[in-house]
């Protein structure tokens, strides 16, 4: 040993700007996990120093083009959304049974009582 200290740059410091692919992964994870659309400013403040959120969002947008989900711009923010042509998969039809009100039941009873009864 010569008494020299190694710098963080030599070892790949945690404070170095992450590679573009890693920035894309980070942006993808934040957009996926967020309940609200995220602005570029919000993404930038969560990314490590030196990371460029706009470039990472553009790369993620290109990667998901033509897939089941897309990165969409909502105002000045970005979020994952289901592809428009697959929206029908998200709807669920339910049968809701509703009881008639007392007034409706009485009205139907009066109508039924006054109907003519004939033999077939």
N, C-alpha and C. Protein backbone atom coordinates (compact mmCIF):
# COMPACT_ATOMS: atom_id res chain seq x y z
N UNK A 1 0.84 -1.17 0.00
CA UNK A 1 0.00 0.00 0.00
C UNK A 1 0.87 1.22 0.00
N UNK A 2 0.49 2.15 -0.80
CA UNK A 2 1.26 3.38 -0.90
C UNK A 2 0.64 4.50 -0.11
N UNK A 3 -0.45 4.23 0.57
CA UNK A 3 -1.11 5.25 1.37
C UNK A 3 -2.13 6.04 0.57
N UNK A 4 -2.36 5.64 -0.71
CA UNK A 4 -3.34 6.35 -1.52
C UNK A 4 -4.74 5.87 -1.16
N UNK A 5 -5.63 6.77 -1.19
CA UNK A 5 -7.02 6.41 -0.94
C UNK A 5 -7.75 6.30 -2.27
N UNK A 6 -8.62 5.31 -2.34
CA UNK A 6 -9.38 5.19 -3.58
C UNK A 6 -10.58 6.12 -3.50
N UNK A 7 -10.90 6.71 -4.59
CA UNK A 7 -12.05 7.61 -4.64
C UNK A 7 -13.28 6.82 -5.00
N UNK A 8 -14.43 7.41 -4.74
CA UNK A 8 -15.69 6.76 -5.07
C UNK A 8 -15.83 6.53 -6.56
N UNK A 9 -15.23 7.40 -7.38
CA UNK A 9 -15.34 7.27 -8.83
C UNK A 9 -14.64 6.00 -9.30
N UNK A 10 -13.60 5.60 -8.60
CA UNK A 10 -12.88 4.40 -8.99
C UNK A 10 -13.71 3.14 -8.74
N UNK A 11 -14.53 3.16 -7.72
CA UNK A 11 -15.28 1.98 -7.33
C UNK A 11 -16.74 2.00 -7.79
N UNK A 12 -17.12 3.03 -8.49
CA UNK A 12 -18.52 3.13 -8.90
C UNK A 12 -19.37 3.58 -7.72
N UNK A 13 -19.16 4.79 -7.29
CA UNK A 13 -19.83 5.34 -6.11
C UNK A 13 -21.34 5.37 -6.27
N UNK A 14 -22.00 5.32 -5.14
CA UNK A 14 -23.45 5.44 -5.13
C UNK A 14 -23.90 6.83 -5.56
N UNK A 15 -22.99 7.79 -5.55
CA UNK A 15 -23.33 9.16 -5.89
C UNK A 15 -23.11 9.47 -7.36
N UNK A 16 -22.62 8.50 -8.13
CA UNK A 16 -22.47 8.70 -9.57
C UNK A 16 -23.84 8.65 -10.23
N UNK A 17 -23.94 9.29 -11.37
CA UNK A 17 -25.18 9.23 -12.14
C UNK A 17 -25.38 7.81 -12.63
N UNK A 18 -26.54 7.20 -12.38
CA UNK A 18 -26.77 5.83 -12.83
C UNK A 18 -26.86 5.77 -14.36
N UNK A 19 -26.58 4.62 -14.95
CA UNK A 19 -26.69 4.48 -16.40
C UNK A 19 -28.14 4.71 -16.85
N UNK A 20 -28.31 5.01 -18.12
CA UNK A 20 -29.64 5.31 -18.67
C UNK A 20 -30.63 4.17 -18.43
N UNK A 21 -30.18 2.93 -18.57
CA UNK A 21 -31.08 1.79 -18.37
C UNK A 21 -31.58 1.74 -16.93
N UNK A 22 -30.72 2.07 -15.98
CA UNK A 22 -31.12 2.07 -14.57
C UNK A 22 -32.08 3.22 -14.28
N UNK A 23 -31.85 4.36 -14.91
CA UNK A 23 -32.77 5.49 -14.76
C UNK A 23 -34.16 5.13 -15.28
N UNK A 24 -34.21 4.42 -16.40
CA UNK A 24 -35.48 3.97 -16.96
C UNK A 24 -36.20 3.04 -15.99
N UNK A 25 -35.46 2.11 -15.39
CA UNK A 25 -36.06 1.20 -14.42
C UNK A 25 -36.63 1.95 -13.23
N UNK A 26 -35.90 2.97 -12.76
CA UNK A 26 -36.36 3.76 -11.62
C UNK A 26 -37.64 4.51 -11.95
N UNK A 27 -37.67 5.15 -13.13
CA UNK A 27 -38.85 5.90 -13.54
C UNK A 27 -40.03 4.95 -13.73
N UNK A 28 -39.79 3.80 -14.34
CA UNK A 28 -40.83 2.80 -14.54
C UNK A 28 -41.42 2.37 -13.20
N UNK A 29 -40.58 2.11 -12.23
CA UNK A 29 -41.05 1.68 -10.90
C UNK A 29 -41.87 2.78 -10.22
N UNK A 30 -41.42 4.02 -10.33
CA UNK A 30 -42.16 5.12 -9.69
C UNK A 30 -43.51 5.33 -10.35
N UNK A 31 -43.56 5.28 -11.68
CA UNK A 31 -44.84 5.46 -12.38
C UNK A 31 -45.79 4.32 -12.08
N UNK A 32 -45.26 3.11 -11.98
CA UNK A 32 -46.09 1.94 -11.70
C UNK A 32 -46.67 1.99 -10.29
N UNK A 33 -45.86 2.37 -9.33
CA UNK A 33 -46.27 2.31 -7.92
C UNK A 33 -47.08 3.51 -7.47
N UNK A 34 -47.02 4.60 -8.22
CA UNK A 34 -47.69 5.83 -7.79
C UNK A 34 -49.19 5.77 -8.08
N UNK A 35 -49.97 6.20 -7.10
CA UNK A 35 -51.42 6.26 -7.28
C UNK A 35 -51.82 7.48 -8.10
N UNK A 36 -50.98 8.49 -8.12
CA UNK A 36 -51.24 9.74 -8.85
C UNK A 36 -50.22 9.89 -9.97
N UNK A 37 -50.61 10.58 -11.06
CA UNK A 37 -49.61 10.88 -12.10
C UNK A 37 -48.48 11.72 -11.52
N UNK A 38 -47.26 11.49 -12.01
CA UNK A 38 -46.09 12.19 -11.50
C UNK A 38 -45.57 13.17 -12.54
N UNK A 39 -45.20 14.37 -12.10
CA UNK A 39 -44.61 15.36 -12.99
C UNK A 39 -43.12 15.08 -13.14
N UNK A 40 -42.51 15.71 -14.15
CA UNK A 40 -41.06 15.54 -14.33
C UNK A 40 -40.30 16.07 -13.11
N UNK A 41 -40.80 17.15 -12.51
CA UNK A 41 -40.14 17.70 -11.33
C UNK A 41 -40.16 16.71 -10.17
N UNK A 42 -41.30 16.04 -9.98
CA UNK A 42 -41.40 15.04 -8.91
C UNK A 42 -40.48 13.86 -9.17
N UNK A 43 -40.40 13.44 -10.43
CA UNK A 43 -39.49 12.34 -10.78
C UNK A 43 -38.04 12.75 -10.56
N UNK A 44 -37.69 13.97 -10.97
CA UNK A 44 -36.31 14.47 -10.82
C UNK A 44 -35.88 14.51 -9.36
N UNK A 45 -36.78 14.95 -8.48
CA UNK A 45 -36.38 15.06 -7.07
C UNK A 45 -36.20 13.70 -6.41
N UNK A 46 -36.82 12.65 -6.96
CA UNK A 46 -36.67 11.31 -6.40
C UNK A 46 -35.51 10.54 -7.02
N UNK A 47 -35.10 10.94 -8.21
CA UNK A 47 -33.99 10.25 -8.88
C UNK A 47 -32.66 10.71 -8.31
N UNK A 48 -31.61 9.89 -8.45
CA UNK A 48 -30.29 10.31 -7.99
C UNK A 48 -29.81 11.54 -8.75
N UNK A 49 -28.87 12.25 -8.17
CA UNK A 49 -28.32 13.46 -8.79
C UNK A 49 -27.74 13.13 -10.16
N UNK A 50 -28.02 13.99 -11.12
CA UNK A 50 -27.50 13.82 -12.46
C UNK A 50 -28.40 13.04 -13.39
N UNK A 51 -29.44 12.40 -12.86
CA UNK A 51 -30.36 11.63 -13.70
C UNK A 51 -31.31 12.59 -14.41
N UNK A 52 -31.66 12.24 -15.63
CA UNK A 52 -32.54 13.08 -16.44
C UNK A 52 -33.88 12.37 -16.58
N UNK A 53 -34.88 12.88 -15.89
CA UNK A 53 -36.20 12.24 -15.88
C UNK A 53 -36.87 12.28 -17.25
N UNK A 54 -36.73 13.38 -17.98
CA UNK A 54 -37.41 13.51 -19.28
C UNK A 54 -36.93 12.44 -20.25
N UNK A 55 -35.64 12.19 -20.29
CA UNK A 55 -35.10 11.16 -21.20
C UNK A 55 -35.56 9.77 -20.77
N UNK A 56 -35.60 9.53 -19.47
CA UNK A 56 -36.02 8.22 -18.97
C UNK A 56 -37.51 7.99 -19.25
N UNK A 57 -38.33 9.02 -19.08
CA UNK A 57 -39.76 8.90 -19.36
C UNK A 57 -39.97 8.62 -20.85
N UNK A 58 -39.23 9.30 -21.69
CA UNK A 58 -39.33 9.08 -23.14
C UNK A 58 -38.95 7.65 -23.51
N UNK A 59 -37.90 7.13 -22.90
CA UNK A 59 -37.47 5.76 -23.17
C UNK A 59 -38.52 4.75 -22.69
N UNK A 60 -39.10 4.98 -21.52
CA UNK A 60 -40.14 4.07 -21.01
C UNK A 60 -41.39 4.15 -21.90
N UNK A 61 -41.71 5.34 -22.36
CA UNK A 61 -42.85 5.52 -23.26
C UNK A 61 -42.66 4.73 -24.54
N UNK A 62 -41.47 4.80 -25.12
CA UNK A 62 -41.17 4.03 -26.34
C UNK A 62 -41.23 2.53 -26.08
N UNK A 63 -40.74 2.10 -24.93
CA UNK A 63 -40.71 0.67 -24.62
C UNK A 63 -42.13 0.10 -24.49
N UNK A 64 -43.05 0.87 -23.93
CA UNK A 64 -44.41 0.37 -23.71
C UNK A 64 -45.36 0.68 -24.87
N UNK A 65 -44.90 1.31 -25.92
CA UNK A 65 -45.76 1.59 -27.07
C UNK A 65 -46.20 0.26 -27.69
N UNK A 66 -47.49 0.13 -27.95
CA UNK A 66 -48.02 -1.09 -28.55
C UNK A 66 -48.26 -2.22 -27.57
N UNK A 67 -48.09 -1.97 -26.29
CA UNK A 67 -48.32 -3.01 -25.28
C UNK A 67 -49.67 -2.82 -24.62
N UNK A 68 -49.97 -3.60 -23.62
CA UNK A 68 -51.26 -3.54 -22.93
C UNK A 68 -51.42 -2.31 -22.07
N UNK A 69 -50.33 -1.72 -21.64
CA UNK A 69 -50.36 -0.46 -20.91
C UNK A 69 -49.46 0.53 -21.62
N UNK A 70 -49.76 1.80 -21.46
CA UNK A 70 -48.99 2.87 -22.08
C UNK A 70 -48.63 3.89 -21.01
N UNK A 71 -47.55 4.62 -21.26
CA UNK A 71 -47.26 5.79 -20.44
C UNK A 71 -47.94 6.95 -21.15
N UNK A 72 -48.84 7.62 -20.43
CA UNK A 72 -49.58 8.73 -21.02
C UNK A 72 -49.30 10.01 -20.25
N UNK A 73 -49.39 11.11 -20.98
CA UNK A 73 -49.21 12.41 -20.35
C UNK A 73 -50.58 12.93 -19.96
N UNK A 74 -50.72 13.27 -18.71
CA UNK A 74 -51.96 13.80 -18.17
C UNK A 74 -51.65 15.19 -17.63
N UNK A 75 -51.98 16.20 -18.39
CA UNK A 75 -51.59 17.57 -18.04
C UNK A 75 -50.08 17.69 -18.17
N UNK A 76 -49.41 17.97 -17.08
CA UNK A 76 -47.94 18.04 -17.10
C UNK A 76 -47.32 16.85 -16.36
N UNK A 77 -48.12 15.81 -16.13
CA UNK A 77 -47.64 14.63 -15.39
C UNK A 77 -47.77 13.38 -16.26
N UNK A 78 -47.16 12.30 -15.80
CA UNK A 78 -47.15 11.03 -16.54
C UNK A 78 -47.65 9.90 -15.65
N UNK A 79 -48.33 8.92 -16.29
CA UNK A 79 -48.84 7.77 -15.56
C UNK A 79 -49.04 6.61 -16.51
N UNK A 80 -49.09 5.40 -15.96
CA UNK A 80 -49.43 4.21 -16.75
C UNK A 80 -50.95 4.15 -16.87
N UNK A 81 -51.44 3.83 -18.05
CA UNK A 81 -52.87 3.64 -18.30
C UNK A 81 -53.05 2.44 -19.21
N UNK A 82 -54.20 1.77 -19.07
CA UNK A 82 -54.53 0.63 -19.92
C UNK A 82 -54.73 1.12 -21.34
N UNK A 83 -54.29 0.32 -22.31
CA UNK A 83 -54.49 0.66 -23.71
C UNK A 83 -55.97 0.81 -23.99
N UNK A 84 -56.35 1.80 -24.78
CA UNK A 84 -57.76 2.12 -25.03
C UNK A 84 -58.51 0.94 -25.64
N UNK A 85 -57.86 0.19 -26.51
CA UNK A 85 -58.56 -0.92 -27.16
C UNK A 85 -58.77 -2.12 -26.23
N UNK A 86 -58.18 -2.09 -25.04
CA UNK A 86 -58.36 -3.18 -24.07
C UNK A 86 -59.21 -2.76 -22.88
N UNK A 87 -59.79 -1.59 -22.94
CA UNK A 87 -60.59 -1.08 -21.83
C UNK A 87 -61.77 -1.96 -21.49
N UNK A 88 -62.32 -2.67 -22.50
CA UNK A 88 -63.47 -3.53 -22.25
C UNK A 88 -63.14 -4.64 -21.25
N UNK A 89 -61.89 -5.00 -21.13
CA UNK A 89 -61.50 -6.05 -20.18
C UNK A 89 -61.61 -5.59 -18.73
N UNK A 90 -61.65 -4.28 -18.52
CA UNK A 90 -61.68 -3.74 -17.17
C UNK A 90 -63.10 -3.55 -16.65
N UNK A 91 -64.12 -3.69 -17.53
CA UNK A 91 -65.49 -3.49 -17.07
C UNK A 91 -66.05 -4.78 -16.50
N UNK A 92 -66.87 -4.64 -15.52
CA UNK A 92 -67.49 -5.80 -14.89
C UNK A 92 -68.98 -5.51 -14.78
N UNK A 93 -69.76 -6.41 -15.32
CA UNK A 93 -71.20 -6.25 -15.25
C UNK A 93 -71.71 -6.94 -14.00
N UNK A 94 -72.52 -6.23 -13.24
CA UNK A 94 -73.10 -6.80 -12.04
C UNK A 94 -74.61 -6.62 -12.10
N UNK A 95 -75.31 -7.55 -11.55
CA UNK A 95 -76.77 -7.48 -11.47
C UNK A 95 -77.11 -6.95 -10.09
N UNK A 96 -77.85 -5.86 -10.09
CA UNK A 96 -78.22 -5.25 -8.83
C UNK A 96 -79.73 -5.43 -8.64
N UNK A 97 -80.10 -6.14 -7.61
CA UNK A 97 -81.52 -6.34 -7.33
C UNK A 97 -82.00 -5.20 -6.45
N UNK A 98 -83.09 -4.59 -6.89
CA UNK A 98 -83.65 -3.48 -6.13
C UNK A 98 -85.10 -3.79 -5.81
N UNK A 99 -85.50 -3.50 -4.62
CA UNK A 99 -86.89 -3.72 -4.22
C UNK A 99 -87.71 -2.49 -4.57
N UNK A 100 -88.98 -2.73 -4.90
CA UNK A 100 -89.88 -1.63 -5.22
C UNK A 100 -90.29 -0.91 -3.95
N UNK A 101 -90.52 0.37 -4.08
CA UNK A 101 -91.00 1.13 -2.93
C UNK A 101 -92.45 0.73 -2.64
N UNK A 102 -92.94 1.10 -1.50
CA UNK A 102 -94.32 0.76 -1.13
C UNK A 102 -95.31 1.39 -2.11
N UNK A 103 -95.05 2.62 -2.52
CA UNK A 103 -95.95 3.29 -3.46
C UNK A 103 -95.95 2.58 -4.81
N UNK A 104 -94.80 2.15 -5.26
CA UNK A 104 -94.72 1.45 -6.55
C UNK A 104 -95.45 0.11 -6.47
N UNK A 105 -95.31 -0.59 -5.35
CA UNK A 105 -95.99 -1.88 -5.18
C UNK A 105 -97.51 -1.68 -5.19
N UNK A 106 -97.99 -0.66 -4.50
CA UNK A 106 -99.43 -0.37 -4.48
C UNK A 106 -99.94 -0.01 -5.87
N UNK A 107 -99.18 0.78 -6.61
CA UNK A 107 -99.57 1.17 -7.96
C UNK A 107 -99.68 -0.06 -8.85
N UNK A 108 -98.71 -0.94 -8.79
CA UNK A 108 -98.74 -2.16 -9.60
C UNK A 108 -99.91 -3.06 -9.18
N UNK A 109 -100.24 -3.10 -7.90
CA UNK A 109 -101.37 -3.91 -7.42
C UNK A 109 -102.68 -3.38 -7.98
N UNK A 110 -102.85 -2.07 -8.01
CA UNK A 110 -104.07 -1.46 -8.56
C UNK A 110 -104.18 -1.76 -10.05
N UNK A 111 -103.08 -1.62 -10.77
CA UNK A 111 -103.08 -1.89 -12.21
C UNK A 111 -103.41 -3.35 -12.46
N UNK A 112 -102.82 -4.25 -11.73
CA UNK A 112 -103.06 -5.68 -11.92
C UNK A 112 -104.50 -6.05 -11.58
N UNK A 113 -105.07 -5.40 -10.55
CA UNK A 113 -106.44 -5.71 -10.13
C UNK A 113 -107.44 -5.33 -11.21
N UNK A 114 -107.17 -4.23 -11.91
CA UNK A 114 -108.12 -3.74 -12.92
C UNK A 114 -107.92 -4.34 -14.29
N UNK A 115 -106.96 -5.20 -14.44
CA UNK A 115 -106.74 -5.81 -15.76
C UNK A 115 -107.79 -6.86 -16.02
N UNK A 116 -108.26 -6.95 -17.29
CA UNK A 116 -109.24 -8.00 -17.58
C UNK A 116 -108.59 -9.38 -17.56
N UNK A 117 -109.36 -10.35 -17.05
CA UNK A 117 -108.89 -11.72 -17.01
C UNK A 117 -109.72 -12.48 -18.02
N UNK A 118 -109.04 -13.10 -18.97
CA UNK A 118 -109.75 -13.85 -20.01
C UNK A 118 -109.25 -15.27 -20.04
N UNK A 119 -110.07 -16.15 -20.58
CA UNK A 119 -109.64 -17.54 -20.72
C UNK A 119 -108.86 -17.66 -22.01
N UNK A 120 -107.93 -18.53 -21.98
CA UNK A 120 -107.12 -18.75 -23.17
C UNK A 120 -107.88 -19.63 -24.15
